Protein backbone atom coordinates (compact mmCIF):
# COMPACT_ATOMS: atom_id res chain seq x y z
CA MET A 1 26.09 0.14 -20.48
CA ILE A 2 25.99 1.56 -24.01
CA GLN A 3 22.79 2.72 -25.71
CA ILE A 4 22.83 3.60 -29.41
CA GLN A 5 20.20 6.01 -30.67
CA GLN A 6 19.79 7.20 -34.24
CA PRO A 7 17.20 9.98 -34.22
CA GLN A 8 18.10 10.92 -37.78
CA LEU A 9 20.00 9.02 -40.42
CA GLN A 10 22.92 11.46 -40.37
CA HIS A 11 23.27 11.61 -36.59
CA THR A 12 24.25 8.85 -34.19
CA ARG A 13 24.02 9.25 -30.44
CA LEU A 14 25.73 6.88 -28.02
CA VAL A 15 24.82 7.13 -24.34
CA VAL A 16 27.42 5.64 -22.00
CA LYS A 17 26.62 5.12 -18.34
CA ALA A 18 27.63 2.82 -15.52
CA ASN A 19 25.70 -0.30 -14.73
CA GLN A 20 23.66 0.34 -11.58
CA SER A 21 23.04 -3.04 -10.02
CA MET A 22 20.70 -1.61 -7.37
CA SER A 23 18.23 1.26 -7.39
CA TRP A 24 18.24 3.96 -4.71
CA ARG A 25 15.26 2.30 -3.04
CA ALA A 26 17.11 -1.05 -2.89
CA ASN A 27 20.11 0.73 -1.39
CA LEU A 28 17.85 2.28 1.27
CA MET A 29 16.46 -1.16 2.07
CA LEU A 30 20.03 -2.48 2.47
CA ALA A 31 20.94 0.45 4.74
CA ALA A 32 17.76 -0.05 6.80
CA SER A 33 18.46 -3.75 7.32
CA LEU A 34 22.05 -3.00 8.35
CA GLY A 35 20.74 -0.26 10.63
CA VAL A 36 18.29 -2.61 12.35
CA VAL A 37 21.04 -5.16 12.99
CA CYS A 38 23.52 -2.51 14.14
CA MET A 39 21.07 -0.71 16.44
CA GLY A 40 19.76 -4.03 17.77
CA ILE A 41 23.26 -5.01 18.86
CA ALA A 42 23.89 -1.51 20.24
CA ILE A 43 20.67 -1.51 22.28
CA ALA A 44 21.45 -4.99 23.63
CA MET A 45 24.90 -3.76 24.65
CA ALA A 46 23.32 -0.66 26.24
CA PHE A 47 21.20 -2.88 28.49
CA MET A 48 24.42 -4.51 29.66
CA GLY A 49 25.79 -1.13 30.64
CA PHE A 50 27.72 -0.19 27.51
CA TRP A 51 25.43 2.71 26.55
CA MET A 52 28.22 4.65 24.76
CA ILE A 53 27.93 2.22 21.83
CA ILE A 54 24.62 3.77 20.69
CA PRO A 55 26.05 7.06 19.29
CA PHE A 56 28.76 5.15 17.43
CA ALA A 57 26.17 2.77 15.96
CA GLY A 58 24.13 5.79 14.81
CA ALA A 59 27.26 7.34 13.25
CA GLU A 60 27.95 4.04 11.50
CA ILE A 61 24.48 4.02 9.94
CA VAL A 62 24.87 7.64 8.78
CA PHE A 63 28.26 6.78 7.28
CA VAL A 64 26.80 3.80 5.37
CA LEU A 65 24.02 6.02 4.00
CA PHE A 66 26.56 8.65 2.95
CA CYS A 67 28.70 6.05 1.14
CA LEU A 68 25.68 4.55 -0.63
CA HIS A 69 24.53 8.00 -1.72
CA ALA A 70 28.00 8.87 -3.03
CA THR A 71 28.16 5.60 -4.97
CA VAL A 72 24.71 5.99 -6.54
CA ARG A 73 25.52 9.61 -7.44
CA ARG A 74 28.82 8.60 -9.04
CA LEU A 75 27.14 5.84 -11.03
CA GLY A 76 24.52 8.31 -12.28
CA ARG A 77 27.05 10.22 -14.37
CA GLN A 78 26.73 9.60 -18.09
CA GLU A 79 28.52 10.44 -21.31
CA VAL A 80 26.64 11.28 -24.50
CA ILE A 81 28.55 11.06 -27.79
CA THR A 82 26.74 12.54 -30.78
CA ILE A 83 28.28 11.94 -34.19
CA GLN A 84 27.16 14.43 -36.82
CA PRO A 85 28.34 14.74 -40.44
CA GLN A 86 30.80 17.56 -39.65
CA ALA A 87 31.29 17.37 -35.87
CA ILE A 88 31.43 15.14 -32.83
CA LEU A 89 29.69 16.43 -29.71
CA LEU A 90 30.84 15.07 -26.33
CA GLU A 91 28.72 15.73 -23.24
CA TRP A 92 29.27 14.68 -19.63
CA GLY A 93 26.89 15.16 -16.72
CA TYR A 94 24.31 13.77 -14.34
CA GLN A 95 20.83 15.06 -15.21
CA GLU A 96 21.91 17.50 -17.90
CA PRO A 97 25.21 18.21 -19.65
CA GLU A 98 27.73 19.84 -17.31
CA VAL A 99 30.64 19.75 -19.76
CA THR A 100 30.22 19.98 -23.53
CA VAL A 101 32.96 19.65 -26.13
CA ASN A 102 32.44 20.12 -29.86
CA LEU A 103 35.15 18.52 -32.04
CA PRO A 104 35.56 18.70 -35.80
CA ARG A 105 34.99 15.22 -37.18
CA GLN A 106 37.71 15.36 -39.81
CA TRP A 107 40.43 16.18 -37.25
CA SER A 108 39.30 13.80 -34.54
CA LYS A 109 41.29 10.68 -33.82
CA LEU A 110 40.05 7.72 -31.79
CA ASN A 111 42.64 6.01 -29.56
CA TYR A 112 42.33 2.74 -27.67
CA ARG A 113 45.11 1.08 -25.73
CA CYS A 114 44.66 -2.01 -23.63
CA SER A 115 47.43 -3.99 -21.97
CA ASP A 116 47.48 -7.74 -21.52
CA ASN A 117 46.76 -7.33 -17.81
CA GLU A 118 43.24 -8.64 -17.35
CA PHE A 119 42.60 -6.28 -14.42
CA GLU A 120 43.04 -3.13 -16.51
CA THR A 121 40.10 -1.79 -18.50
CA GLY A 122 42.16 0.02 -21.10
CA ASP A 123 42.32 3.62 -22.20
CA LEU A 124 39.78 4.93 -24.73
CA SER A 125 39.96 8.55 -25.82
CA LEU A 126 39.08 10.94 -28.60
CA SER A 127 41.59 13.64 -29.46
CA ALA A 128 41.63 16.70 -31.69
CA HIS A 129 43.81 19.80 -31.88
CA GLY A 130 46.22 18.50 -29.26
CA LYS A 131 43.58 17.85 -26.60
CA ARG A 132 42.60 14.40 -25.42
CA TYR A 133 39.15 13.52 -24.02
CA PRO A 134 38.80 10.17 -22.19
CA LEU A 135 35.68 8.14 -22.97
CA GLY A 136 33.95 5.28 -21.18
CA LYS A 137 35.46 5.83 -17.74
CA SER A 138 32.70 3.79 -16.09
CA LEU A 139 32.92 0.85 -18.49
CA GLY A 140 34.64 -2.48 -18.08
CA ARG A 141 37.12 -3.99 -20.50
CA GLU A 142 34.65 -5.68 -22.86
CA GLU A 143 32.20 -2.77 -22.83
CA LYS A 144 35.02 -0.35 -23.61
CA ARG A 145 36.11 -2.56 -26.50
CA THR A 146 32.49 -2.59 -27.78
CA LEU A 147 32.32 1.21 -27.54
CA TYR A 148 35.61 1.48 -29.43
CA THR A 149 34.29 -0.79 -32.20
CA GLU A 150 31.04 1.21 -32.49
CA LEU A 151 32.88 4.53 -32.61
CA ARG A 152 35.48 3.25 -35.07
CA ASP A 153 32.77 1.99 -37.42
CA ARG A 154 30.88 5.28 -37.30
CA LEU A 155 33.86 7.59 -37.65
């Protein structure tokens, strides 16, 4: 998902983040429903004498919660690209910028390569002074192409 913000006429800010199809609450509801089914089967099996299934069912529920948490956390990462008259500011992070890169606008070069393979999303990056910074890692093919067009028009 790409959001374009123009707080001032000379600055453009693009916020790039993954599309979260479900909120954390919806993920908890999914995990709870899976847990009810899993524990229901485990308890039924325990009444038949297979009581050792219960700890494994509990471990399975914990594992599902861990995987959902890791996925939601990974999808929460965002990129903020701020284009100023003399510089381009790249920021990556979750709640606040964890990595910040300031590039001179005149020396920055935008690169986009995309093969004919429809399963590849392409490679979008901004480079300056021999260093390359990938952009739009969480985007699909069409979204990455849209981001490239927006950046190309503004640079």
